[in-house]
């Protein structure tokens, strides 16, 4: 699945952005928090999407059946 690779690449890019913000001594701590919050929110959504796609790749649904992905999630 190409989408899994794209999500992995996006997660790597977000990690780099977070590291850049953390290593910039010119940014005050509270501003770092404000800058990183949307990045970390995006990362959380991408991680969940990656987990879902990986699950579906490993456990494809049968034809005409719901995928049942919500059954394996812990956070629901």
PDB file of N, CA and C in Angstrom:
ATOM      1  N   UNK A   1       0.842  -1.190   0.000  1.00  0.00           N
ATOM      2  CA  UNK A   1       0.000   0.000   0.000  1.00  0.00           C
ATOM      3  C   UNK A   1       0.882   1.248   0.000  1.00  0.00           C
ATOM      4  N   UNK A   2       0.669   2.072  -0.997  1.00  0.00           N
ATOM      5  CA  UNK A   2       1.435   3.309  -1.068  1.00  0.00           C
ATOM      6  C   UNK A   2       1.078   4.267   0.054  1.00  0.00           C
ATOM      7  N   UNK A   3      -0.171   4.227   0.497  1.00  0.00           N
ATOM      8  CA  UNK A   3      -0.598   5.157   1.542  1.00  0.00           C
ATOM      9  C   UNK A   3       0.170   4.929   2.835  1.00  0.00           C
ATOM     10  N   UNK A   4       0.530   3.699   3.145  1.00  0.00           N
ATOM     11  CA  UNK A   4       1.314   3.425   4.355  1.00  0.00           C
ATOM     12  C   UNK A   4       2.673   4.093   4.253  1.00  0.00           C
ATOM     13  N   UNK A   5       3.300   4.003   3.092  1.00  0.00           N
ATOM     14  CA  UNK A   5       4.605   4.638   2.900  1.00  0.00           C
ATOM     15  C   UNK A   5       4.491   6.161   3.030  1.00  0.00           C
ATOM     16  N   UNK A   6       3.445   6.740   2.458  1.00  0.00           N
ATOM     17  CA  UNK A   6       3.266   8.191   2.547  1.00  0.00           C
ATOM     18  C   UNK A   6       3.049   8.635   3.987  1.00  0.00           C
ATOM     19  N   UNK A   7       2.311   7.864   4.730  1.00  0.00           N
ATOM     20  CA  UNK A   7       2.072   8.210   6.140  1.00  0.00           C
ATOM     21  C   UNK A   7       3.361   8.087   6.933  1.00  0.00           C
ATOM     22  N   UNK A   8       4.148   7.055   6.682  1.00  0.00           N
ATOM     23  CA  UNK A   8       5.433   6.909   7.366  1.00  0.00           C
ATOM     24  C   UNK A   8       6.356   8.078   7.047  1.00  0.00           C
ATOM     25  N   UNK A   9       6.369   8.503   5.789  1.00  0.00           N
ATOM     26  CA  UNK A   9       7.177   9.663   5.397  1.00  0.00           C
ATOM     27  C   UNK A   9       6.689  10.930   6.095  1.00  0.00           C
ATOM     28  N   UNK A  10       5.386  11.092   6.175  1.00  0.00           N
ATOM     29  CA  UNK A  10       4.817  12.269   6.837  1.00  0.00           C
ATOM     30  C   UNK A  10       5.165  12.270   8.325  1.00  0.00           C
ATOM     31  N   UNK A  11       5.129  11.103   8.954  1.00  0.00           N
ATOM     32  CA  UNK A  11       5.498  11.013  10.370  1.00  0.00           C
ATOM     33  C   UNK A  11       6.968  11.380  10.573  1.00  0.00           C
ATOM     34  N   UNK A  12       7.825  10.944   9.666  1.00  0.00           N
ATOM     35  CA  UNK A  12       9.245  11.313   9.751  1.00  0.00           C
ATOM     36  C   UNK A  12       9.427  12.821   9.620  1.00  0.00           C
ATOM     37  N   UNK A  13       8.692  13.422   8.695  1.00  0.00           N
ATOM     38  CA  UNK A  13       8.760  14.873   8.515  1.00  0.00           C
ATOM     39  C   UNK A  13       8.295  15.608   9.763  1.00  0.00           C
ATOM     40  N   UNK A  14       7.220  15.123  10.381  1.00  0.00           N
ATOM     41  CA  UNK A  14       6.726  15.764  11.598  1.00  0.00           C
ATOM     42  C   UNK A  14       7.731  15.621  12.739  1.00  0.00           C
ATOM     43  N   UNK A  15       8.389  14.473  12.828  1.00  0.00           N
ATOM     44  CA  UNK A  15       9.424  14.283  13.846  1.00  0.00           C
ATOM     45  C   UNK A  15      10.563  15.283  13.656  1.00  0.00           C
ATOM     46  N   UNK A  16      10.943  15.500  12.409  1.00  0.00           N
ATOM     47  CA  UNK A  16      11.996  16.473  12.115  1.00  0.00           C
ATOM     48  C   UNK A  16      11.570  17.884  12.521  1.00  0.00           C
ATOM     49  N   UNK A  17      10.313  18.238  12.255  1.00  0.00           N
ATOM     50  CA  UNK A  17       9.816  19.558  12.643  1.00  0.00           C
ATOM     51  C   UNK A  17       9.850  19.734  14.155  1.00  0.00           C
ATOM     52  N   UNK A  18       9.437  18.701  14.883  1.00  0.00           N
ATOM     53  CA  UNK A  18       9.450  18.773  16.349  1.00  0.00           C
ATOM     54  C   UNK A  18      10.882  18.932  16.847  1.00  0.00           C
ATOM     55  N   UNK A  19      11.812  18.162  16.287  1.00  0.00           N
ATOM     56  CA  UNK A  19      13.208  18.264  16.709  1.00  0.00           C
ATOM     57  C   UNK A  19      13.775  19.652  16.421  1.00  0.00           C
ATOM     58  N   UNK A  20      13.429  20.219  15.276  1.00  0.00           N
ATOM     59  CA  UNK A  20      13.889  21.563  14.934  1.00  0.00           C
ATOM     60  C   UNK A  20      13.400  22.578  15.954  1.00  0.00           C
ATOM     61  N   UNK A  21      12.139  22.465  16.338  1.00  0.00           N
ATOM     62  CA  UNK A  21      11.568  23.386  17.330  1.00  0.00           C
ATOM     63  C   UNK A  21      12.237  23.184  18.681  1.00  0.00           C
ATOM     64  N   UNK A  22      12.424  21.936  19.089  1.00  0.00           N
ATOM     65  CA  UNK A  22      13.030  21.659  20.398  1.00  0.00           C
ATOM     66  C   UNK A  22      14.465  22.144  20.490  1.00  0.00           C
ATOM     67  N   UNK A  23      15.195  22.058  19.405  1.00  0.00           N
ATOM     68  CA  UNK A  23      16.608  22.427  19.425  1.00  0.00           C
ATOM     69  C   UNK A  23      16.857  23.912  19.199  1.00  0.00           C
ATOM     70  N   UNK A  24      15.822  24.660  18.884  1.00  0.00           N
ATOM     71  CA  UNK A  24      15.966  26.112  18.664  1.00  0.00           C
ATOM     72  C   UNK A  24      15.917  26.829  20.013  1.00  0.00           C
ATOM     73  N   UNK A  25      17.083  27.280  20.463  1.00  0.00           N
ATOM     74  CA  UNK A  25      17.176  27.937  21.778  1.00  0.00           C
ATOM     75  C   UNK A  25      16.570  29.336  21.771  1.00  0.00           C
ATOM     76  N   UNK A  26      16.292  29.876  20.605  1.00  0.00           N
ATOM     77  CA  UNK A  26      15.736  31.220  20.514  1.00  0.00           C
ATOM     78  C   UNK A  26      14.230  31.279  20.739  1.00  0.00           C
ATOM     79  N   UNK A  27      13.595  30.135  20.837  1.00  0.00           N
ATOM     80  CA  UNK A  27      12.142  30.093  21.019  1.00  0.00           C
ATOM     81  C   UNK A  27      11.848  29.830  22.498  1.00  0.00           C
ATOM     82  N   UNK A  28      11.053  30.694  23.133  1.00  0.00           N
ATOM     83  CA  UNK A  28      10.673  30.447  24.539  1.00  0.00           C
ATOM     84  C   UNK A  28       9.871  29.152  24.669  1.00  0.00           C
ATOM     85  N   UNK A  29       9.923  28.553  25.850  1.00  0.00           N
ATOM     86  CA  UNK A  29       9.278  27.258  26.072  1.00  0.00           C
ATOM     87  C   UNK A  29       7.785  27.278  25.798  1.00  0.00           C
ATOM     88  N   UNK A  30       7.087  28.324  26.245  1.00  0.00           N
ATOM     89  CA  UNK A  30       5.637  28.357  26.015  1.00  0.00           C
ATOM     90  C   UNK A  30       5.312  28.490  24.526  1.00  0.00           C
ATOM     91  N   UNK A  31       6.158  29.180  23.790  1.00  0.00           N
ATOM     92  CA  UNK A  31       5.941  29.293  22.347  1.00  0.00           C
ATOM     93  C   UNK A  31       6.236  27.957  21.659  1.00  0.00           C
ATOM     94  N   UNK A  32       7.238  27.225  22.173  1.00  0.00           N
ATOM     95  CA  UNK A  32       7.526  25.894  21.631  1.00  0.00           C
ATOM     96  C   UNK A  32       6.305  24.991  21.797  1.00  0.00           C
ATOM     97  N   UNK A  33       5.684  25.068  22.975  1.00  0.00           N
ATOM     98  CA  UNK A  33       4.477  24.267  23.209  1.00  0.00           C
ATOM     99  C   UNK A  33       3.392  24.614  22.195  1.00  0.00           C
ATOM    100  N   UNK A  34       3.199  25.913  21.970  1.00  0.00           N
ATOM    101  CA  UNK A  34       2.167  26.355  21.025  1.00  0.00           C
ATOM    102  C   UNK A  34       2.488  25.926  19.596  1.00  0.00           C
ATOM    103  N   UNK A  35       3.758  25.903  19.247  1.00  0.00           N
ATOM    104  CA  UNK A  35       4.151  25.488  17.900  1.00  0.00           C
ATOM    105  C   UNK A  35       4.035  23.975  17.710  1.00  0.00           C
ATOM    106  N   UNK A  36       4.337  23.235  18.769  1.00  0.00           N
ATOM    107  CA  UNK A  36       4.353  21.780  18.648  1.00  0.00           C
ATOM    108  C   UNK A  36       2.972  21.143  18.788  1.00  0.00           C
ATOM    109  N   UNK A  37       2.044  21.811  19.458  1.00  0.00           N
ATOM    110  CA  UNK A  37       0.724  21.214  19.684  1.00  0.00           C
ATOM    111  C   UNK A  37       0.039  20.766  18.393  1.00  0.00           C
ATOM    112  N   UNK A  38      -0.088  21.635  17.374  1.00  0.00           N
ATOM    113  CA  UNK A  38      -0.752  21.161  16.142  1.00  0.00           C
ATOM    114  C   UNK A  38       0.034  20.058  15.434  1.00  0.00           C
ATOM    115  N   UNK A  39       1.362  20.097  15.540  1.00  0.00           N
ATOM    116  CA  UNK A  39       2.184  19.051  14.917  1.00  0.00           C
ATOM    117  C   UNK A  39       1.933  17.718  15.607  1.00  0.00           C
ATOM    118  N   UNK A  40       1.890  17.735  16.926  1.00  0.00           N
ATOM    119  CA  UNK A  40       1.669  16.501  17.672  1.00  0.00           C
ATOM    120  C   UNK A  40       0.242  15.973  17.479  1.00  0.00           C
ATOM    121  N   UNK A  41      -0.716  16.872  17.288  1.00  0.00           N
ATOM    122  CA  UNK A  41      -2.077  16.438  16.995  1.00  0.00           C
ATOM    123  C   UNK A  41      -2.132  15.743  15.634  1.00  0.00           C
ATOM    124  N   UNK A  42      -1.447  16.322  14.654  1.00  0.00           N
ATOM    125  CA  UNK A  42      -1.385  15.701  13.331  1.00  0.00           C
ATOM    126  C   UNK A  42      -0.715  14.334  13.422  1.00  0.00           C
ATOM    127  N   UNK A  43       0.336  14.284  14.217  1.00  0.00           N
ATOM    128  CA  UNK A  43       1.071  13.028  14.373  1.00  0.00           C
ATOM    129  C   UNK A  43       0.181  11.950  14.989  1.00  0.00           C
ATOM    130  N   UNK A  44      -0.627  12.322  15.974  1.00  0.00           N
ATOM    131  CA  UNK A  44      -1.521  11.359  16.614  1.00  0.00           C
ATOM    132  C   UNK A  44      -2.516  10.791  15.599  1.00  0.00           C
ATOM    133  N   UNK A  45      -3.075  11.649  14.766  1.00  0.00           N
ATOM    134  CA  UNK A  45      -4.035  11.199  13.749  1.00  0.00           C
ATOM    135  C   UNK A  45      -3.345  10.297  12.727  1.00  0.00           C
ATOM    136  N   UNK A  46      -2.139  10.670  12.322  1.00  0.00           N
ATOM    137  CA  UNK A  46      -1.418   9.854  11.343  1.00  0.00           C
ATOM    138  C   UNK A  46      -1.030   8.497  11.918  1.00  0.00           C
ATOM    139  N   UNK A  47      -0.640   8.462  13.188  1.00  0.00           N
ATOM    140  CA  UNK A  47      -0.302   7.184  13.822  1.00  0.00           C
ATOM    141  C   UNK A  47      -1.523   6.270  13.864  1.00  0.00           C
ATOM    142  N   UNK A  48      -2.672   6.824  14.231  1.00  0.00           N
ATOM    143  CA  UNK A  48      -3.897   6.014  14.277  1.00  0.00           C
ATOM    144  C   UNK A  48      -4.266   5.515  12.883  1.00  0.00           C
ATOM    145  N   UNK A  49      -4.124   6.379  11.890  1.00  0.00           N
ATOM    146  CA  UNK A  49      -4.420   5.984  10.511  1.00  0.00           C
ATOM    147  C   UNK A  49      -3.470   4.884  10.050  1.00  0.00           C
ATOM    148  N   UNK A  50      -2.194   5.018  10.396  1.00  0.00           N
ATOM    149  CA  UNK A  50      -1.207   4.002  10.036  1.00  0.00           C
ATOM    150  C   UNK A  50      -1.548   2.671  10.698  1.00  0.00           C
ATOM    151  N   UNK A  51      -1.913   2.713  11.968  1.00  0.00           N
ATOM    152  CA  UNK A  51      -2.302   1.482  12.663  1.00  0.00           C
ATOM    153  C   UNK A  51      -3.531   0.846  12.005  1.00  0.00           C
ATOM    154  N   UNK A  52      -4.502   1.675  11.640  1.00  0.00           N
ATOM    155  CA  UNK A  52      -5.716   1.163  10.999  1.00  0.00           C
ATOM    156  C   UNK A  52      -5.396   0.520   9.646  1.00  0.00           C
ATOM    157  N   UNK A  53      -4.585   1.211   8.835  1.00  0.00           N
ATOM    158  CA  UNK A  53      -4.247   0.664   7.523  1.00  0.00           C
ATOM    159  C   UNK A  53      -3.419  -0.614   7.637  1.00  0.00           C
ATOM    160  N   UNK A  54      -2.526  -0.651   8.605  1.00  0.00           N
ATOM    161  CA  UNK A  54      -1.719  -1.845   8.820  1.00  0.00           C
ATOM    162  C   UNK A  54      -2.612  -3.011   9.240  1.00  0.00           C
ATOM    163  N   UNK A  55      -3.560  -2.722  10.128  1.00  0.00           N
ATOM    164  CA  UNK A  55      -4.504  -3.761  10.556  1.00  0.00           C
ATOM    165  C   UNK A  55      -5.299  -4.290   9.364  1.00  0.00           C
ATOM    166  N   UNK A  56      -5.797  -3.379   8.532  1.00  0.00           N
ATOM    167  CA  UNK A  56      -6.594  -3.795   7.373  1.00  0.00           C
ATOM    168  C   UNK A  56      -5.756  -4.558   6.353  1.00  0.00           C
ATOM    169  N   UNK A  57      -4.489  -4.180   6.234  1.00  0.00           N
ATOM    170  CA  UNK A  57      -3.615  -4.895   5.317  1.00  0.00           C
ATOM    171  C   UNK A  57      -3.386  -6.326   5.805  1.00  0.00           C
ATOM    172  N   UNK A  58      -3.203  -6.474   7.116  1.00  0.00           N
ATOM    173  CA  UNK A  58      -2.943  -7.789   7.689  1.00  0.00           C
ATOM    174  C   UNK A  58      -4.222  -8.614   7.863  1.00  0.00           C
ATOM    175  N   UNK A  59      -5.366  -7.938   8.008  1.00  0.00           N
ATOM    176  CA  UNK A  59      -6.647  -8.603   8.225  1.00  0.00           C
ATOM    177  C   UNK A  59      -7.702  -8.049   7.277  1.00  0.00           C
ATOM    178  N   UNK A  60      -7.589  -8.337   5.997  1.00  0.00           N
ATOM    179  CA  UNK A  60      -8.549  -7.757   5.054  1.00  0.00           C
ATOM    180  C   UNK A  60      -9.960  -8.263   5.335  1.00  0.00           C
ATOM    181  N   UNK A  61     -10.938  -7.373   5.205  1.00  0.00           N
ATOM    182  CA  UNK A  61     -12.326  -7.799   5.438  1.00  0.00           C
ATOM    183  C   UNK A  61     -12.802  -8.716   4.319  1.00  0.00           C
ATOM    184  N   UNK A  62     -13.734  -9.582   4.662  1.00  0.00           N
ATOM    185  CA  UNK A  62     -14.323 -10.435   3.635  1.00  0.00           C
ATOM    186  C   UNK A  62     -15.292  -9.593   2.807  1.00  0.00           C
ATOM    187  N   UNK A  63     -15.570 -10.003   1.597  1.00  0.00           N
ATOM    188  CA  UNK A  63     -16.494  -9.218   0.760  1.00  0.00           C
ATOM    189  C   UNK A  63     -17.870  -9.043   1.426  1.00  0.00           C
ATOM    190  N   UNK A  64     -18.423  -7.863   1.274  1.00  0.00           N
ATOM    191  CA  UNK A  64     -19.747  -7.511   1.790  1.00  0.00           C
ATOM    192  C   UNK A  64     -19.850  -7.586   3.312  1.00  0.00           C
ATOM    193  N   UNK A  65     -18.740  -7.438   3.986  1.00  0.00           N
ATOM    194  CA  UNK A  65     -18.727  -7.432   5.448  1.00  0.00           C
ATOM    195  C   UNK A  65     -18.073  -6.138   5.923  1.00  0.00           C
ATOM    196  N   UNK A  66     -18.515  -5.585   7.060  1.00  0.00           N
ATOM    197  CA  UNK A  66     -17.831  -4.412   7.609  1.00  0.00           C
ATOM    198  C   UNK A  66     -16.413  -4.793   8.016  1.00  0.00           C
ATOM    199  N   UNK A  67     -15.529  -3.834   7.989  1.00  0.00           N
ATOM    200  CA  UNK A  67     -14.127  -4.143   8.254  1.00  0.00           C
ATOM    201  C   UNK A  67     -13.884  -4.489   9.722  1.00  0.00           C
ATOM    202  N   UNK A  68     -14.696  -3.983  10.642  1.00  0.00           N
ATOM    203  CA  UNK A  68     -14.551  -4.316  12.052  1.00  0.00           C
ATOM    204  C   UNK A  68     -13.333  -3.711  12.707  1.00  0.00           C
ATOM    205  N   UNK A  69     -12.806  -2.642  12.128  1.00  0.00           N
ATOM    206  CA  UNK A  69     -11.571  -2.063  12.666  1.00  0.00           C
ATOM    207  C   UNK A  69     -11.769  -1.486  14.066  1.00  0.00           C
ATOM    208  N   UNK A  70     -12.957  -1.032  14.366  1.00  0.00           N
ATOM    209  CA  UNK A  70     -13.183  -0.439  15.689  1.00  0.00           C
ATOM    210  C   UNK A  70     -13.101  -1.474  16.797  1.00  0.00           C
ATOM    211  N   UNK A  71     -13.212  -2.732  16.474  1.00  0.00           N
ATOM    212  CA  UNK A  71     -13.159  -3.783  17.492  1.00  0.00           C
ATOM    213  C   UNK A  71     -11.778  -3.932  18.095  1.00  0.00           C
ATOM    214  N   UNK A  72     -10.726  -3.631  17.332  1.00  0.00           N
ATOM    215  CA  UNK A  72      -9.388  -3.836  17.856  1.00  0.00           C
ATOM    216  C   UNK A  72      -8.816  -2.601  18.548  1.00  0.00           C
ATOM    217  N   UNK A  73      -9.424  -1.454  18.355  1.00  0.00           N
ATOM    218  CA  UNK A  73      -8.932  -0.217  18.969  1.00  0.00           C
ATOM    219  C   UNK A  73      -9.175  -0.221  20.466  1.00  0.00           C
ATOM    220  N   UNK A  74      -8.199   0.289  21.197  1.00  0.00           N
ATOM    221  CA  UNK A  74      -8.321   0.370  22.653  1.00  0.00           C
ATOM    222  C   UNK A  74      -9.003   1.642  23.109  1.00  0.00           C
ATOM    223  N   UNK A  75      -8.905   2.721  22.326  1.00  0.00           N
ATOM    224  CA  UNK A  75      -9.349   4.027  22.793  1.00  0.00           C
ATOM    225  C   UNK A  75     -10.832   4.313  22.568  1.00  0.00           C
ATOM    226  N   UNK A  76     -11.586   3.390  22.014  1.00  0.00           N
ATOM    227  CA  UNK A  76     -12.992   3.683  21.739  1.00  0.00           C
ATOM    228  C   UNK A  76     -13.870   3.345  22.884  1.00  0.00           C
TER     229      UNK A  76
END
